[in-house]
N, C-alpha and C. Protein backbone atom coordinates (compact mmCIF):
# COMPACT_ATOMS: atom_id res chain seq x y z
N MET A 1 56.08 -96.81 13.02
CA MET A 1 54.83 -96.24 12.52
C MET A 1 54.24 -97.22 11.49
N LYS A 2 52.97 -97.51 11.64
CA LYS A 2 52.29 -98.46 10.79
C LYS A 2 52.14 -97.95 9.36
N SER A 3 52.14 -98.84 8.48
CA SER A 3 51.97 -98.66 7.04
C SER A 3 51.95 -97.25 6.49
N ILE A 4 53.12 -96.63 6.54
CA ILE A 4 53.28 -95.32 5.92
C ILE A 4 52.96 -95.41 4.45
N PHE A 5 53.26 -96.57 3.87
CA PHE A 5 52.96 -96.76 2.46
C PHE A 5 51.48 -96.55 2.18
N SER A 6 50.63 -97.03 3.06
CA SER A 6 49.19 -96.83 2.88
C SER A 6 48.85 -95.35 2.84
N ILE A 7 49.48 -94.60 3.69
CA ILE A 7 49.21 -93.16 3.73
C ILE A 7 49.70 -92.51 2.45
N LEU A 8 50.92 -92.86 2.03
CA LEU A 8 51.46 -92.30 0.79
C LEU A 8 50.56 -92.58 -0.38
N PHE A 9 50.10 -93.81 -0.46
CA PHE A 9 49.20 -94.27 -1.52
C PHE A 9 47.95 -93.42 -1.52
N SER A 10 47.30 -93.32 -0.40
CA SER A 10 46.02 -92.63 -0.35
C SER A 10 46.17 -91.14 -0.62
N LEU A 11 47.22 -90.52 -0.09
CA LEU A 11 47.38 -89.11 -0.31
C LEU A 11 47.61 -88.77 -1.76
N PHE A 12 48.52 -89.50 -2.41
CA PHE A 12 48.80 -89.10 -3.76
C PHE A 12 47.61 -89.29 -4.66
N ILE A 13 46.90 -90.37 -4.51
CA ILE A 13 45.77 -90.64 -5.42
C ILE A 13 44.72 -89.54 -5.28
N CYS A 14 44.63 -88.95 -4.12
CA CYS A 14 43.68 -87.85 -3.96
C CYS A 14 44.06 -86.64 -4.77
N PHE A 15 45.35 -86.45 -5.02
CA PHE A 15 45.81 -85.25 -5.66
C PHE A 15 46.06 -85.39 -7.16
N ASN A 16 46.29 -86.59 -7.64
CA ASN A 16 46.59 -86.94 -9.03
C ASN A 16 46.57 -88.43 -9.19
N ILE A 17 46.73 -88.92 -10.45
CA ILE A 17 46.97 -90.35 -10.59
C ILE A 17 47.36 -90.80 -11.96
N TYR A 18 47.88 -92.00 -12.04
CA TYR A 18 48.12 -92.78 -13.24
C TYR A 18 48.33 -94.26 -13.13
N ALA A 19 49.42 -96.89 -15.57
CA ALA A 19 49.85 -98.26 -15.28
C ALA A 19 49.88 -99.29 -16.38
N GLN A 20 49.67 -100.94 -16.32
CA GLN A 20 49.91 -101.83 -17.45
C GLN A 20 49.70 -103.33 -17.08
N ASN A 21 48.98 -104.20 -17.72
CA ASN A 21 48.93 -105.70 -17.69
C ASN A 21 47.98 -106.36 -16.70
N SER A 22 47.12 -107.20 -17.17
CA SER A 22 46.07 -107.81 -16.34
C SER A 22 46.39 -109.26 -16.02
N GLY A 23 45.92 -109.73 -14.87
CA GLY A 23 46.09 -111.11 -14.51
C GLY A 23 44.78 -111.68 -14.07
N THR A 24 44.77 -112.90 -13.57
CA THR A 24 43.51 -113.46 -13.11
C THR A 24 43.58 -113.77 -11.62
N GLU A 25 44.43 -114.72 -11.25
CA GLU A 25 44.51 -115.06 -9.83
C GLU A 25 45.93 -114.74 -9.33
N PHE A 26 45.99 -114.21 -8.12
CA PHE A 26 47.28 -113.91 -7.51
C PHE A 26 47.40 -114.71 -6.23
N TYR A 27 48.63 -115.22 -6.00
CA TYR A 27 48.91 -115.95 -4.76
C TYR A 27 50.15 -115.40 -4.12
N SER A 28 50.06 -115.11 -2.81
CA SER A 28 51.19 -114.65 -2.02
C SER A 28 51.63 -115.76 -1.08
N PRO A 29 52.82 -116.36 -1.34
CA PRO A 29 53.30 -117.43 -0.44
C PRO A 29 53.58 -116.90 0.97
N ASP A 30 53.99 -115.60 1.10
CA ASP A 30 54.26 -115.04 2.43
C ASP A 30 53.07 -115.11 3.37
N PHE A 31 51.88 -114.90 2.79
CA PHE A 31 50.66 -114.87 3.62
C PHE A 31 49.71 -116.00 3.30
N LYS A 32 50.13 -116.89 2.38
CA LYS A 32 49.28 -118.01 1.95
C LYS A 32 47.90 -117.47 1.55
N TRP A 33 47.96 -116.39 0.76
CA TRP A 33 46.76 -115.63 0.42
C TRP A 33 46.52 -115.74 -1.08
N LYS A 34 45.27 -116.00 -1.44
CA LYS A 34 44.85 -116.14 -2.83
C LYS A 34 43.72 -115.16 -3.08
N ILE A 35 43.86 -114.36 -4.18
CA ILE A 35 42.82 -113.39 -4.55
C ILE A 35 42.68 -113.38 -6.08
N GLN A 36 41.47 -113.20 -6.51
CA GLN A 36 41.16 -113.08 -7.94
C GLN A 36 41.31 -111.61 -8.32
N ILE A 37 42.15 -111.31 -9.30
CA ILE A 37 42.29 -109.92 -9.77
C ILE A 37 41.06 -109.60 -10.61
N PRO A 38 40.40 -108.48 -10.35
CA PRO A 38 39.20 -108.17 -11.14
C PRO A 38 39.51 -108.06 -12.64
N GLU A 39 38.58 -108.51 -13.42
CA GLU A 39 38.69 -108.51 -14.90
C GLU A 39 38.93 -107.09 -15.39
N GLY A 40 39.87 -106.93 -16.29
CA GLY A 40 40.13 -105.63 -16.90
C GLY A 40 41.00 -104.68 -16.10
N PHE A 41 41.45 -105.11 -14.94
CA PHE A 41 42.36 -104.25 -14.15
C PHE A 41 43.78 -104.43 -14.67
N GLU A 42 44.55 -103.34 -14.64
CA GLU A 42 45.91 -103.34 -15.15
C GLU A 42 46.91 -103.20 -14.00
N LYS A 43 48.07 -103.85 -14.18
CA LYS A 43 49.14 -103.78 -13.22
C LYS A 43 49.78 -102.39 -13.28
N VAL A 44 50.09 -101.82 -12.13
CA VAL A 44 50.78 -100.53 -12.05
C VAL A 44 52.29 -100.83 -12.00
N ASN A 45 53.08 -100.19 -12.89
CA ASN A 45 54.50 -100.48 -12.92
C ASN A 45 55.24 -99.74 -11.79
N SER A 46 56.45 -100.22 -11.48
CA SER A 46 57.18 -99.72 -10.34
C SER A 46 57.64 -98.25 -10.53
N GLU A 47 57.96 -97.82 -11.74
CA GLU A 47 58.36 -96.44 -11.97
C GLU A 47 57.20 -95.48 -11.66
N GLU A 48 56.06 -95.83 -12.16
CA GLU A 48 54.87 -95.01 -11.91
C GLU A 48 54.58 -94.92 -10.42
N TRP A 49 54.69 -96.07 -9.76
CA TRP A 49 54.39 -96.14 -8.33
C TRP A 49 55.37 -95.31 -7.51
N ALA A 50 56.66 -95.33 -7.90
CA ALA A 50 57.68 -94.55 -7.21
C ALA A 50 57.36 -93.05 -7.29
N LYS A 51 56.89 -92.58 -8.44
CA LYS A 51 56.49 -91.17 -8.56
C LYS A 51 55.33 -90.84 -7.65
N MET A 52 54.36 -91.75 -7.59
CA MET A 52 53.20 -91.53 -6.76
C MET A 52 53.61 -91.49 -5.27
N GLN A 53 54.51 -92.40 -4.87
CA GLN A 53 54.97 -92.42 -3.49
C GLN A 53 55.65 -91.13 -3.11
N GLY A 54 56.48 -90.59 -4.03
CA GLY A 54 57.21 -89.37 -3.73
C GLY A 54 56.28 -88.17 -3.44
N LYS A 55 55.24 -88.05 -4.23
CA LYS A 55 54.28 -86.94 -4.02
C LYS A 55 53.49 -87.16 -2.74
N GLY A 56 53.08 -88.39 -2.49
CA GLY A 56 52.36 -88.68 -1.25
C GLY A 56 53.24 -88.45 -0.03
N GLU A 57 54.51 -88.81 -0.14
CA GLU A 57 55.44 -88.63 0.95
C GLU A 57 55.57 -87.16 1.32
N GLN A 58 55.66 -86.29 0.31
CA GLN A 58 55.76 -84.85 0.57
C GLN A 58 54.54 -84.35 1.33
N ALA A 59 53.36 -84.76 0.92
CA ALA A 59 52.14 -84.32 1.60
C ALA A 59 52.10 -84.82 3.04
N LEU A 60 52.52 -86.06 3.25
CA LEU A 60 52.52 -86.63 4.60
C LEU A 60 53.54 -85.94 5.47
N GLU A 61 54.75 -85.72 4.96
CA GLU A 61 55.77 -85.06 5.75
C GLU A 61 55.32 -83.64 6.16
N LYS A 62 54.57 -82.98 5.30
CA LYS A 62 54.05 -81.65 5.62
C LYS A 62 53.06 -81.77 6.79
N THR A 63 52.24 -82.82 6.79
CA THR A 63 51.26 -82.98 7.85
C THR A 63 51.89 -83.35 9.19
N VAL A 64 52.82 -84.33 9.18
CA VAL A 64 53.39 -84.80 10.44
C VAL A 64 54.60 -84.01 10.88
N GLY A 65 55.16 -83.20 9.96
CA GLY A 65 56.29 -82.36 10.34
C GLY A 65 57.59 -83.13 10.57
N GLN A 66 57.73 -84.27 9.92
CA GLN A 66 58.98 -85.03 10.03
C GLN A 66 59.17 -85.89 8.79
N ASP A 67 60.41 -86.36 8.62
CA ASP A 67 60.70 -87.23 7.48
C ASP A 67 59.97 -88.57 7.64
N VAL A 68 59.60 -89.12 6.49
CA VAL A 68 58.91 -90.42 6.46
C VAL A 68 59.90 -91.50 6.04
N ILE A 69 59.96 -92.56 6.83
CA ILE A 69 60.81 -93.71 6.48
C ILE A 69 59.87 -94.85 6.13
N ASN A 70 59.98 -95.34 4.90
CA ASN A 70 59.05 -96.33 4.38
C ASN A 70 59.73 -97.68 4.32
N HIS A 71 59.25 -98.66 5.10
CA HIS A 71 59.81 -99.99 5.12
C HIS A 71 58.88 -101.01 4.43
N SER A 72 57.84 -100.53 3.78
CA SER A 72 56.87 -101.45 3.22
C SER A 72 57.37 -102.08 1.94
N LYS A 73 56.85 -103.25 1.64
CA LYS A 73 57.14 -103.99 0.41
C LYS A 73 55.82 -104.19 -0.32
N THR A 74 55.77 -103.79 -1.57
CA THR A 74 54.55 -103.94 -2.38
C THR A 74 54.31 -105.41 -2.70
N ILE A 75 53.11 -105.84 -2.52
CA ILE A 75 52.71 -107.19 -2.97
C ILE A 75 52.20 -107.07 -4.40
N PHE A 76 51.22 -106.22 -4.63
CA PHE A 76 50.81 -105.88 -5.99
C PHE A 76 49.95 -104.64 -5.96
N ILE A 77 49.85 -103.98 -7.14
CA ILE A 77 49.00 -102.80 -7.31
C ILE A 77 48.36 -102.95 -8.67
N VAL A 78 47.02 -102.85 -8.74
CA VAL A 78 46.30 -102.85 -9.99
C VAL A 78 45.32 -101.70 -10.03
N LYS A 79 44.92 -101.31 -11.25
CA LYS A 79 43.96 -100.22 -11.35
C LYS A 79 43.05 -100.43 -12.52
N SER A 80 41.91 -99.72 -12.48
CA SER A 80 40.98 -99.65 -13.59
C SER A 80 40.69 -98.17 -13.80
N GLY A 81 41.09 -97.64 -14.95
CA GLY A 81 40.96 -96.21 -15.16
C GLY A 81 41.99 -95.48 -14.33
N ASN A 82 41.78 -94.19 -14.15
CA ASN A 82 42.75 -93.39 -13.41
C ASN A 82 42.44 -93.22 -11.93
N PHE A 83 41.28 -93.67 -11.44
CA PHE A 83 40.93 -93.38 -10.05
C PHE A 83 40.38 -94.59 -9.31
N ASN A 84 40.68 -95.79 -9.75
CA ASN A 84 40.16 -97.00 -9.08
C ASN A 84 41.32 -97.96 -8.88
N TYR A 85 41.83 -98.05 -7.63
CA TYR A 85 43.05 -98.80 -7.33
C TYR A 85 42.80 -99.83 -6.27
N LEU A 86 43.50 -100.97 -6.41
CA LEU A 86 43.59 -102.01 -5.40
C LEU A 86 45.09 -102.21 -5.16
N GLU A 87 45.55 -101.93 -3.96
CA GLU A 87 46.97 -102.02 -3.63
C GLU A 87 47.13 -102.81 -2.35
N THR A 88 48.16 -103.62 -2.31
CA THR A 88 48.45 -104.37 -1.08
C THR A 88 49.95 -104.43 -0.85
N ASN A 89 50.31 -104.38 0.43
CA ASN A 89 51.70 -104.36 0.83
C ASN A 89 51.88 -104.96 2.20
N TYR A 90 53.12 -105.11 2.62
CA TYR A 90 53.38 -105.54 3.99
C TYR A 90 54.65 -104.84 4.48
N GLN A 91 54.80 -104.81 5.81
CA GLN A 91 56.00 -104.25 6.39
C GLN A 91 56.22 -104.89 7.74
N PRO A 92 57.45 -104.80 8.25
CA PRO A 92 57.71 -105.38 9.58
C PRO A 92 56.95 -104.63 10.67
N PHE A 93 56.43 -105.37 11.63
CA PHE A 93 55.81 -104.76 12.81
C PHE A 93 55.98 -105.73 13.95
N ASP A 94 56.77 -105.33 14.93
CA ASP A 94 57.03 -106.15 16.10
C ASP A 94 56.46 -105.41 17.31
N THR A 95 55.47 -105.97 17.96
CA THR A 95 54.82 -105.28 19.08
C THR A 95 55.83 -104.98 20.23
N LYS A 96 56.90 -105.74 20.31
CA LYS A 96 57.91 -105.50 21.36
C LYS A 96 58.63 -104.18 21.12
N THR A 97 58.85 -103.83 19.87
CA THR A 97 59.59 -102.60 19.57
C THR A 97 58.68 -101.50 18.98
N ASP A 98 57.62 -101.90 18.29
CA ASP A 98 56.74 -100.94 17.61
C ASP A 98 55.52 -100.57 18.43
N GLY A 99 55.29 -101.25 19.54
CA GLY A 99 54.17 -100.92 20.39
C GLY A 99 52.90 -101.68 20.07
N ASN A 100 51.81 -101.21 20.70
CA ASN A 100 50.50 -101.83 20.55
C ASN A 100 49.97 -101.66 19.16
N TYR A 101 49.56 -102.75 18.51
CA TYR A 101 49.12 -102.68 17.13
C TYR A 101 47.80 -101.92 16.97
N GLU A 102 46.88 -102.11 17.89
CA GLU A 102 45.62 -101.39 17.79
C GLU A 102 45.82 -99.87 17.91
N GLU A 103 46.73 -99.45 18.79
CA GLU A 103 47.04 -98.02 18.94
C GLU A 103 47.72 -97.50 17.66
N ALA A 104 48.60 -98.30 17.06
CA ALA A 104 49.27 -97.90 15.82
C ALA A 104 48.25 -97.73 14.70
N ASN A 105 47.26 -98.60 14.66
CA ASN A 105 46.19 -98.48 13.66
C ASN A 105 45.44 -97.20 13.83
N LYS A 106 45.10 -96.89 15.06
CA LYS A 106 44.36 -95.62 15.32
C LYS A 106 45.21 -94.42 14.92
N PHE A 107 46.49 -94.48 15.23
CA PHE A 107 47.41 -93.39 14.90
C PHE A 107 47.42 -93.15 13.37
N VAL A 108 47.56 -94.22 12.62
CA VAL A 108 47.61 -94.11 11.16
C VAL A 108 46.30 -93.55 10.62
N ASN A 109 45.17 -94.05 11.14
CA ASN A 109 43.87 -93.54 10.72
C ASN A 109 43.77 -92.03 10.96
N ASP A 110 44.21 -91.61 12.15
CA ASP A 110 44.17 -90.18 12.51
C ASP A 110 45.05 -89.34 11.57
N ILE A 111 46.24 -89.87 11.25
CA ILE A 111 47.16 -89.15 10.35
C ILE A 111 46.57 -89.02 8.96
N VAL A 112 46.00 -90.10 8.42
CA VAL A 112 45.41 -90.08 7.11
C VAL A 112 44.27 -89.04 7.08
N TYR A 113 43.41 -89.07 8.09
CA TYR A 113 42.29 -88.12 8.15
C TYR A 113 42.82 -86.69 8.20
N LYS A 114 43.80 -86.46 9.06
CA LYS A 114 44.37 -85.11 9.19
C LYS A 114 45.03 -84.66 7.87
N SER A 115 45.72 -85.58 7.20
CA SER A 115 46.37 -85.24 5.93
C SER A 115 45.35 -84.87 4.86
N PHE A 116 44.23 -85.65 4.80
CA PHE A 116 43.17 -85.30 3.85
C PHE A 116 42.61 -83.92 4.16
N LYS A 117 42.34 -83.64 5.43
CA LYS A 117 41.76 -82.36 5.83
C LYS A 117 42.68 -81.19 5.46
N GLU A 118 43.99 -81.38 5.74
CA GLU A 118 44.93 -80.29 5.48
C GLU A 118 45.18 -80.08 3.98
N ASN A 119 45.24 -81.15 3.24
CA ASN A 119 45.56 -81.04 1.81
C ASN A 119 44.36 -80.85 0.92
N MET A 120 43.16 -81.05 1.49
CA MET A 120 41.91 -80.86 0.71
C MET A 120 40.91 -80.10 1.61
N PRO A 121 41.27 -78.85 1.96
CA PRO A 121 40.46 -78.12 2.92
C PRO A 121 39.03 -77.83 2.51
N ASP A 122 38.74 -77.85 1.21
CA ASP A 122 37.37 -77.58 0.75
C ASP A 122 36.52 -78.82 0.61
N ALA A 123 37.13 -79.98 0.85
CA ALA A 123 36.37 -81.25 0.70
C ALA A 123 35.69 -81.59 2.03
N LYS A 124 34.58 -82.31 1.91
CA LYS A 124 33.88 -82.83 3.09
C LYS A 124 34.36 -84.28 3.26
N ILE A 125 34.96 -84.57 4.40
CA ILE A 125 35.58 -85.88 4.62
C ILE A 125 34.94 -86.57 5.82
N THR A 126 34.50 -87.80 5.60
CA THR A 126 33.99 -88.60 6.72
C THR A 126 34.86 -89.82 6.87
N ASN A 127 34.94 -90.31 8.09
CA ASN A 127 35.83 -91.42 8.41
C ASN A 127 35.18 -92.33 9.45
N THR A 128 35.22 -93.64 9.17
CA THR A 128 34.74 -94.60 10.17
C THR A 128 35.79 -95.70 10.33
N THR A 129 35.88 -96.24 11.49
CA THR A 129 36.77 -97.34 11.78
C THR A 129 36.01 -98.49 12.42
N THR A 130 36.28 -99.68 11.96
CA THR A 130 35.61 -100.88 12.47
C THR A 130 36.61 -102.04 12.35
N LYS A 131 36.10 -103.23 12.60
CA LYS A 131 36.84 -104.47 12.33
C LYS A 131 35.93 -105.31 11.45
N GLU A 132 36.53 -106.10 10.58
CA GLU A 132 35.74 -106.93 9.67
C GLU A 132 36.45 -108.27 9.46
N LYS A 133 35.63 -109.34 9.37
CA LYS A 133 36.16 -110.66 9.10
C LYS A 133 36.31 -110.88 7.61
N ILE A 134 37.49 -111.32 7.22
CA ILE A 134 37.76 -111.74 5.85
C ILE A 134 38.31 -113.16 5.97
N ASN A 135 37.63 -114.13 5.39
CA ASN A 135 38.08 -115.53 5.47
C ASN A 135 38.34 -115.96 6.93
N ASN A 136 37.45 -115.55 7.81
CA ASN A 136 37.50 -115.87 9.26
C ASN A 136 38.68 -115.22 9.99
N LEU A 137 39.30 -114.23 9.42
CA LEU A 137 40.37 -113.47 10.09
C LEU A 137 39.89 -112.05 10.32
N ILE A 138 40.16 -111.53 11.50
CA ILE A 138 39.76 -110.15 11.81
C ILE A 138 40.77 -109.15 11.27
N PHE A 139 40.26 -108.17 10.53
CA PHE A 139 41.07 -107.08 9.98
C PHE A 139 40.55 -105.76 10.56
N TYR A 140 41.48 -104.83 10.80
CA TYR A 140 41.11 -103.47 11.11
C TYR A 140 40.70 -102.81 9.80
N LYS A 141 39.63 -102.02 9.84
CA LYS A 141 39.11 -101.39 8.62
C LYS A 141 38.93 -99.90 8.87
N SER A 142 39.52 -99.08 8.01
CA SER A 142 39.34 -97.63 8.06
C SER A 142 38.73 -97.20 6.73
N SER A 143 37.61 -96.51 6.80
CA SER A 143 36.93 -96.05 5.57
C SER A 143 36.88 -94.54 5.54
N PHE A 144 37.20 -93.98 4.38
CA PHE A 144 37.16 -92.54 4.17
C PHE A 144 36.30 -92.25 2.97
N LYS A 145 35.43 -91.25 3.12
CA LYS A 145 34.62 -90.80 1.98
C LYS A 145 34.91 -89.30 1.83
N ILE A 146 35.32 -88.92 0.62
CA ILE A 146 35.73 -87.53 0.38
C ILE A 146 34.84 -86.95 -0.73
N LEU A 147 34.03 -85.97 -0.33
CA LEU A 147 33.17 -85.25 -1.29
C LEU A 147 33.91 -83.97 -1.63
N MET A 148 34.33 -83.87 -2.90
CA MET A 148 35.09 -82.72 -3.34
C MET A 148 34.16 -81.59 -3.78
N PRO A 149 34.69 -80.36 -3.83
CA PRO A 149 33.84 -79.22 -4.21
C PRO A 149 33.20 -79.35 -5.56
N ASN A 150 33.79 -80.12 -6.48
CA ASN A 150 33.20 -80.30 -7.80
C ASN A 150 32.14 -81.40 -7.81
N ASN A 151 31.70 -81.84 -6.62
CA ASN A 151 30.69 -82.88 -6.41
C ASN A 151 31.17 -84.28 -6.81
N MET A 152 32.48 -84.43 -7.04
CA MET A 152 33.00 -85.77 -7.26
C MET A 152 33.27 -86.41 -5.88
N THR A 153 33.05 -87.73 -5.77
CA THR A 153 33.28 -88.41 -4.51
C THR A 153 34.32 -89.50 -4.69
N MET A 154 35.27 -89.51 -3.79
CA MET A 154 36.28 -90.55 -3.77
C MET A 154 36.14 -91.31 -2.46
N GLU A 155 36.31 -92.63 -2.51
CA GLU A 155 36.28 -93.44 -1.29
C GLU A 155 37.57 -94.25 -1.19
N MET A 156 38.02 -94.41 0.02
CA MET A 156 39.21 -95.21 0.28
C MET A 156 38.90 -96.11 1.50
N ILE A 157 39.25 -97.38 1.35
CA ILE A 157 39.04 -98.33 2.46
C ILE A 157 40.37 -99.07 2.68
N MET A 158 40.87 -99.02 3.92
CA MET A 158 42.11 -99.66 4.28
C MET A 158 41.80 -100.84 5.22
N PHE A 159 42.34 -102.00 4.89
CA PHE A 159 42.25 -103.18 5.75
C PHE A 159 43.64 -103.57 6.21
N SER A 160 43.81 -103.92 7.48
CA SER A 160 45.13 -104.33 7.93
C SER A 160 45.03 -105.27 9.12
N ARG A 161 46.09 -106.10 9.25
CA ARG A 161 46.22 -107.01 10.40
C ARG A 161 47.64 -107.52 10.47
N LEU A 162 47.99 -108.01 11.64
CA LEU A 162 49.29 -108.62 11.82
C LEU A 162 49.26 -110.09 11.48
N PHE A 163 50.30 -110.55 10.81
CA PHE A 163 50.58 -111.96 10.60
C PHE A 163 51.95 -112.17 11.21
N GLY A 164 52.03 -112.63 12.45
CA GLY A 164 53.32 -112.76 13.12
C GLY A 164 53.91 -111.37 13.28
N LYS A 165 55.08 -111.17 12.68
CA LYS A 165 55.75 -109.87 12.78
C LYS A 165 55.70 -109.09 11.46
N LYS A 166 54.66 -109.38 10.67
CA LYS A 166 54.43 -108.64 9.43
C LYS A 166 53.03 -108.08 9.43
N GLU A 167 52.97 -106.78 9.10
CA GLU A 167 51.68 -106.16 8.96
C GLU A 167 51.26 -106.21 7.48
N PHE A 168 50.13 -106.81 7.24
CA PHE A 168 49.55 -106.90 5.90
C PHE A 168 48.52 -105.79 5.78
N THR A 169 48.58 -105.07 4.66
CA THR A 169 47.61 -103.98 4.40
C THR A 169 47.07 -104.08 2.98
N LEU A 170 45.79 -103.93 2.84
CA LEU A 170 45.13 -103.86 1.55
C LEU A 170 44.33 -102.57 1.47
N ASN A 171 44.52 -101.85 0.40
CA ASN A 171 43.86 -100.56 0.21
C ASN A 171 43.01 -100.60 -1.05
N ILE A 172 41.81 -100.09 -0.93
CA ILE A 172 40.90 -99.95 -2.08
C ILE A 172 40.52 -98.48 -2.16
N MET A 173 40.79 -97.89 -3.34
CA MET A 173 40.43 -96.52 -3.55
C MET A 173 39.68 -96.41 -4.86
N PHE A 174 38.54 -95.67 -4.83
CA PHE A 174 37.73 -95.62 -6.05
C PHE A 174 36.90 -94.36 -6.13
N MET A 175 36.59 -93.97 -7.35
CA MET A 175 35.63 -92.94 -7.63
C MET A 175 34.39 -93.55 -8.33
N ASP A 176 34.58 -94.70 -8.96
CA ASP A 176 33.49 -95.42 -9.61
C ASP A 176 32.93 -96.44 -8.64
N PRO A 177 31.72 -96.24 -8.13
CA PRO A 177 31.18 -97.19 -7.13
C PRO A 177 31.08 -98.63 -7.59
N GLU A 178 30.84 -98.84 -8.90
CA GLU A 178 30.82 -100.22 -9.41
C GLU A 178 32.17 -100.87 -9.33
N LYS A 179 33.23 -100.14 -9.64
CA LYS A 179 34.59 -100.65 -9.53
C LYS A 179 34.94 -100.89 -8.07
N GLY A 180 34.47 -99.99 -7.21
CA GLY A 180 34.72 -100.16 -5.77
C GLY A 180 34.08 -101.44 -5.25
N GLU A 181 32.86 -101.69 -5.68
CA GLU A 181 32.15 -102.91 -5.28
C GLU A 181 32.84 -104.15 -5.82
N GLU A 182 33.33 -104.08 -7.03
CA GLU A 182 34.07 -105.20 -7.64
C GLU A 182 35.31 -105.52 -6.85
N MET A 183 36.07 -104.49 -6.45
CA MET A 183 37.30 -104.70 -5.67
C MET A 183 36.97 -105.25 -4.29
N LEU A 184 35.95 -104.69 -3.67
CA LEU A 184 35.52 -105.21 -2.34
C LEU A 184 35.12 -106.68 -2.40
N ASN A 185 34.39 -107.04 -3.45
CA ASN A 185 33.97 -108.43 -3.62
C ASN A 185 35.13 -109.39 -3.76
N VAL A 186 36.12 -109.05 -4.59
CA VAL A 186 37.24 -109.98 -4.74
C VAL A 186 38.05 -110.07 -3.45
N TRP A 187 38.13 -108.95 -2.72
CA TRP A 187 38.84 -108.98 -1.43
C TRP A 187 38.06 -109.85 -0.42
N LYS A 188 36.78 -109.65 -0.33
CA LYS A 188 35.98 -110.43 0.64
C LYS A 188 35.94 -111.92 0.29
N ASN A 189 36.14 -112.26 -0.97
CA ASN A 189 36.14 -113.67 -1.40
C ASN A 189 37.55 -114.25 -1.45
N SER A 190 38.56 -113.48 -1.07
CA SER A 190 39.93 -114.00 -1.09
C SER A 190 40.10 -114.94 0.10
N THR A 191 41.14 -115.80 0.03
CA THR A 191 41.34 -116.79 1.08
C THR A 191 42.76 -116.80 1.60
N PHE A 192 42.87 -117.05 2.91
CA PHE A 192 44.14 -117.22 3.58
C PHE A 192 44.15 -118.65 4.13
N SER A 193 45.15 -119.41 3.74
CA SER A 193 45.24 -120.79 4.25
C SER A 193 46.26 -120.89 5.36
N ASN A 194 46.13 -121.95 6.20
CA ASN A 194 47.05 -122.12 7.34
C ASN A 194 48.39 -122.67 6.91
C-alpha cells in the first residue's frame, strides 16, 4: 500500500496539531534533491510526530478496517504555526511485488478522501488528481480542499513519484493561503539532479 504515512499525516492534522528549529537549504542524497526551507518554518521533532502518527493511524484503521503497517522513512517535517506543514518521506515500492504504481496512487487518494469524509462528516470536501512537472520530473498530485462547518478551510496537496524502488512523497497542508503559496513555491523551485 502506497505511502500510508501520507495518509496518517493528513488525517491527524485535520483533527489536531502541534514543533522546533529552522534551516535554510535541505539536501537529500538519496534523491539528489535540494529544496529551500521557507523562512521562519520550524522543524517538527520526532516525539511530536510519533504522537501525530498514532492518532492518524487510528483514524485510518477505522476507515479501512485493518491494521496499518508503516514502512515510510521521514526525510523532514517543518511547520509554520499550528496548521501549515511541509512533510516529505519515502518508502519502498517495487512494482513487481506492490503492483501498478498509478493504481496504488489512485487507491491512496480514494482512501484519504474516504477517511476525510468519514471523520469529518459535516465538512465539504473536494478532491482533484492530476500530474505536475517539478524540475522536469512528472509527479502524481492529489489536492484536497476541506471547508469546515466553522467556515475555516484547510488544503492538502500530496505529490509523489517513484525513484527506482523508492516512492518519494511530499505533502503540503495549510490553513493560511500565504503559507501554502510559500510552501508550493519552494517545492516548485526545488531541484533533482541526475
